[in-house]
Structures are given as C-alpha cells and as structure tokens.
N, C-alpha and C. Protein backbone atom coordinates (compact mmCIF):
# COMPACT_ATOMS: atom_id res chain seq x y z
N UNK A 1 -6.93 -7.15 -17.55
CA UNK A 1 -6.93 -5.83 -16.96
C UNK A 1 -7.12 -6.00 -15.46
N UNK A 2 -6.31 -5.28 -14.73
CA UNK A 2 -6.45 -5.35 -13.28
C UNK A 2 -6.56 -3.94 -12.71
N UNK A 3 -7.46 -3.80 -11.79
CA UNK A 3 -7.60 -2.56 -11.03
C UNK A 3 -7.82 -3.02 -9.59
N UNK A 4 -6.75 -3.15 -8.86
CA UNK A 4 -6.83 -3.75 -7.53
C UNK A 4 -7.39 -2.78 -6.49
N UNK A 5 -7.91 -3.36 -5.42
CA UNK A 5 -8.43 -2.57 -4.30
C UNK A 5 -7.32 -1.74 -3.67
N UNK A 6 -6.12 -2.24 -3.74
CA UNK A 6 -5.00 -1.51 -3.15
C UNK A 6 -4.78 -0.18 -3.88
N UNK A 7 -4.99 -0.16 -5.18
CA UNK A 7 -4.76 1.05 -5.98
C UNK A 7 -5.98 1.95 -6.03
N UNK A 8 -7.16 1.35 -6.20
CA UNK A 8 -8.41 2.11 -6.30
C UNK A 8 -9.38 1.48 -5.32
N UNK A 9 -9.66 2.19 -4.24
CA UNK A 9 -10.40 1.63 -3.11
C UNK A 9 -11.84 1.22 -3.42
N UNK A 10 -12.58 2.08 -4.08
CA UNK A 10 -14.01 1.82 -4.23
C UNK A 10 -14.31 1.06 -5.51
N UNK A 11 -15.36 0.27 -5.49
CA UNK A 11 -15.79 -0.47 -6.67
C UNK A 11 -16.20 0.49 -7.78
N UNK A 12 -16.80 1.61 -7.40
CA UNK A 12 -17.20 2.61 -8.39
C UNK A 12 -15.97 3.13 -9.13
N UNK A 13 -14.90 3.41 -8.41
CA UNK A 13 -13.66 3.89 -9.02
C UNK A 13 -13.03 2.86 -9.93
N UNK A 14 -12.99 1.61 -9.48
CA UNK A 14 -12.42 0.54 -10.31
C UNK A 14 -13.24 0.34 -11.58
N UNK A 15 -14.55 0.36 -11.44
CA UNK A 15 -15.42 0.18 -12.61
C UNK A 15 -15.30 1.35 -13.59
N UNK A 16 -15.14 2.57 -13.06
CA UNK A 16 -14.96 3.74 -13.93
C UNK A 16 -13.72 3.58 -14.79
N UNK A 17 -12.64 3.17 -14.16
CA UNK A 17 -11.39 3.00 -14.90
C UNK A 17 -11.51 1.86 -15.91
N UNK A 18 -12.13 0.77 -15.52
CA UNK A 18 -12.32 -0.35 -16.45
C UNK A 18 -13.14 0.08 -17.67
N UNK A 19 -14.20 0.85 -17.42
CA UNK A 19 -15.03 1.33 -18.54
C UNK A 19 -14.22 2.20 -19.48
N UNK A 20 -13.41 3.09 -18.92
CA UNK A 20 -12.58 3.97 -19.75
C UNK A 20 -11.58 3.17 -20.57
N UNK A 21 -10.96 2.17 -19.97
CA UNK A 21 -9.98 1.34 -20.69
C UNK A 21 -10.67 0.58 -21.81
N UNK A 22 -11.82 -0.02 -21.53
CA UNK A 22 -12.53 -0.78 -22.56
C UNK A 22 -12.95 0.11 -23.72
N UNK A 23 -13.50 1.28 -23.42
CA UNK A 23 -13.94 2.19 -24.47
C UNK A 23 -12.76 2.70 -25.29
N UNK A 24 -11.69 3.04 -24.64
CA UNK A 24 -10.49 3.50 -25.35
C UNK A 24 -9.95 2.39 -26.24
N UNK A 25 -9.94 1.17 -25.75
CA UNK A 25 -9.46 0.04 -26.55
C UNK A 25 -10.35 -0.18 -27.76
N UNK A 26 -11.65 -0.06 -27.60
CA UNK A 26 -12.57 -0.24 -28.74
C UNK A 26 -12.26 0.74 -29.86
N UNK A 27 -11.88 1.96 -29.50
CA UNK A 27 -11.56 2.96 -30.52
C UNK A 27 -10.20 2.71 -31.16
N UNK A 28 -9.28 2.08 -30.44
CA UNK A 28 -7.92 1.89 -30.93
C UNK A 28 -7.67 0.52 -31.54
N UNK A 29 -8.60 -0.40 -31.42
CA UNK A 29 -8.35 -1.79 -31.79
C UNK A 29 -8.00 -1.93 -33.28
N UNK A 30 -8.53 -1.08 -34.14
CA UNK A 30 -8.22 -1.20 -35.56
C UNK A 30 -6.78 -0.81 -35.87
N UNK A 31 -6.18 0.04 -35.06
CA UNK A 31 -4.80 0.47 -35.29
C UNK A 31 -3.78 -0.47 -34.67
N UNK A 32 -4.24 -1.38 -33.81
CA UNK A 32 -3.32 -2.25 -33.07
C UNK A 32 -3.16 -3.60 -33.76
N UNK A 33 -1.97 -4.16 -33.69
CA UNK A 33 -1.78 -5.51 -34.22
C UNK A 33 -2.41 -6.53 -33.28
N UNK A 34 -2.47 -7.76 -33.73
CA UNK A 34 -3.04 -8.82 -32.90
C UNK A 34 -2.04 -9.18 -31.80
N UNK A 35 -2.28 -8.67 -30.62
CA UNK A 35 -1.42 -8.91 -29.46
C UNK A 35 -2.28 -9.17 -28.24
N UNK A 36 -1.70 -9.83 -27.27
CA UNK A 36 -2.32 -9.90 -25.95
C UNK A 36 -1.84 -8.68 -25.17
N UNK A 37 -2.77 -7.93 -24.62
CA UNK A 37 -2.44 -6.69 -23.93
C UNK A 37 -2.88 -6.79 -22.49
N UNK A 38 -2.00 -6.43 -21.58
CA UNK A 38 -2.31 -6.43 -20.16
C UNK A 38 -2.29 -4.98 -19.68
N UNK A 39 -3.35 -4.55 -19.04
CA UNK A 39 -3.45 -3.19 -18.50
C UNK A 39 -3.44 -3.30 -16.99
N UNK A 40 -2.49 -2.60 -16.37
CA UNK A 40 -2.39 -2.58 -14.91
C UNK A 40 -2.60 -1.14 -14.46
N UNK A 41 -3.56 -0.94 -13.60
CA UNK A 41 -3.89 0.40 -13.11
C UNK A 41 -2.88 0.80 -12.04
N UNK A 42 -2.36 2.01 -12.16
CA UNK A 42 -1.39 2.55 -11.21
C UNK A 42 -2.06 3.51 -10.24
N UNK A 43 -1.31 3.95 -9.25
CA UNK A 43 -1.84 4.82 -8.20
C UNK A 43 -2.49 6.10 -8.72
N UNK A 44 -1.87 6.75 -9.68
CA UNK A 44 -2.36 8.04 -10.15
C UNK A 44 -3.72 7.99 -10.82
N UNK A 45 -4.14 6.84 -11.26
CA UNK A 45 -5.42 6.72 -11.97
C UNK A 45 -6.60 7.00 -11.05
N UNK A 46 -6.45 6.72 -9.80
CA UNK A 46 -7.55 6.90 -8.85
C UNK A 46 -8.03 8.35 -8.82
N UNK A 47 -7.11 9.29 -8.82
CA UNK A 47 -7.46 10.70 -8.69
C UNK A 47 -7.51 11.44 -10.02
N UNK A 48 -7.11 10.78 -11.10
CA UNK A 48 -7.07 11.43 -12.41
C UNK A 48 -8.49 11.59 -12.96
N UNK A 49 -8.68 12.65 -13.71
CA UNK A 49 -9.97 12.88 -14.35
C UNK A 49 -10.04 12.09 -15.65
N UNK A 50 -11.25 11.84 -16.10
CA UNK A 50 -11.47 10.99 -17.27
C UNK A 50 -10.69 11.43 -18.51
N UNK A 51 -10.69 12.71 -18.90
CA UNK A 51 -9.94 13.10 -20.10
C UNK A 51 -8.44 12.79 -19.99
N UNK A 52 -7.89 12.93 -18.80
CA UNK A 52 -6.47 12.64 -18.62
C UNK A 52 -6.19 11.14 -18.78
N UNK A 53 -7.08 10.30 -18.27
CA UNK A 53 -6.91 8.85 -18.41
C UNK A 53 -7.03 8.46 -19.87
N UNK A 54 -8.02 9.00 -20.56
CA UNK A 54 -8.22 8.68 -21.98
C UNK A 54 -7.00 9.12 -22.80
N UNK A 55 -6.48 10.29 -22.54
CA UNK A 55 -5.30 10.78 -23.26
C UNK A 55 -4.10 9.88 -23.00
N UNK A 56 -3.93 9.45 -21.76
CA UNK A 56 -2.83 8.55 -21.42
C UNK A 56 -2.98 7.22 -22.15
N UNK A 57 -4.18 6.68 -22.15
CA UNK A 57 -4.42 5.41 -22.85
C UNK A 57 -4.15 5.55 -24.34
N UNK A 58 -4.60 6.66 -24.95
CA UNK A 58 -4.35 6.87 -26.38
C UNK A 58 -2.86 6.89 -26.68
N UNK A 59 -2.09 7.55 -25.82
CA UNK A 59 -0.63 7.58 -26.01
C UNK A 59 -0.04 6.18 -25.88
N UNK A 60 -0.54 5.39 -24.94
CA UNK A 60 -0.05 4.03 -24.78
C UNK A 60 -0.40 3.17 -26.00
N UNK A 61 -1.62 3.31 -26.52
CA UNK A 61 -2.01 2.52 -27.70
C UNK A 61 -1.11 2.89 -28.89
N UNK A 62 -0.83 4.19 -29.08
CA UNK A 62 0.03 4.61 -30.19
C UNK A 62 1.43 4.04 -30.05
N UNK A 63 1.98 4.12 -28.85
CA UNK A 63 3.32 3.59 -28.62
C UNK A 63 3.35 2.08 -28.83
N UNK A 64 2.34 1.40 -28.37
CA UNK A 64 2.25 -0.04 -28.54
C UNK A 64 2.19 -0.40 -30.03
N UNK A 65 1.42 0.33 -30.79
CA UNK A 65 1.34 0.10 -32.23
C UNK A 65 2.67 0.31 -32.93
N UNK A 66 3.38 1.40 -32.57
CA UNK A 66 4.69 1.67 -33.17
C UNK A 66 5.70 0.58 -32.82
N UNK A 67 5.73 0.18 -31.55
CA UNK A 67 6.69 -0.84 -31.11
C UNK A 67 6.40 -2.19 -31.76
N UNK A 68 5.15 -2.52 -31.91
CA UNK A 68 4.79 -3.81 -32.53
C UNK A 68 5.13 -3.80 -34.01
N UNK A 69 5.01 -2.67 -34.66
CA UNK A 69 5.31 -2.57 -36.10
C UNK A 69 6.81 -2.75 -36.34
N UNK A 70 7.62 -2.30 -35.38
CA UNK A 70 9.07 -2.42 -35.53
C UNK A 70 9.58 -3.85 -35.41
N UNK A 71 8.94 -4.59 -34.55
CA UNK A 71 9.59 -5.87 -34.31
C UNK A 71 8.72 -6.99 -34.01
C-alpha cells in the first residue's frame, strides 16, 4: 500500500487513509481469493470523507473478487 507525500501531504492524512484501507480489507478478506493486492492512493482520497473512501474500497474489493473468480 502506498500513500505518497505527493498525493497526501500530511502524515495524519496518509495514516488516516492507511487505517481505512486496512480496516476495509479486514472486513473483505473472507470474500477475496488468495491474491497479492496493491493499493495506490490517488489525488481524490486526500479530500474525500471516510464513508466515501470506505464505499469506494468496498466496490473495489467486490470487483476484484468477481474478476478473480472468472479467471
């Protein structure tokens, strides 16, 4: 997981996003196949509120699970 200074300036902001990603992953790990997953934080995450980030992550986990099941 990467949250670079270029995307999220403050350490508090980077840590907030990392905590949200880790917690979201803990809830989704049972639905996901055994894969190596790389999370890259984008520009919009800096200003997004927590519920929006969690919803986005949930959608990504679902899509990842569907794509892995197909192939």
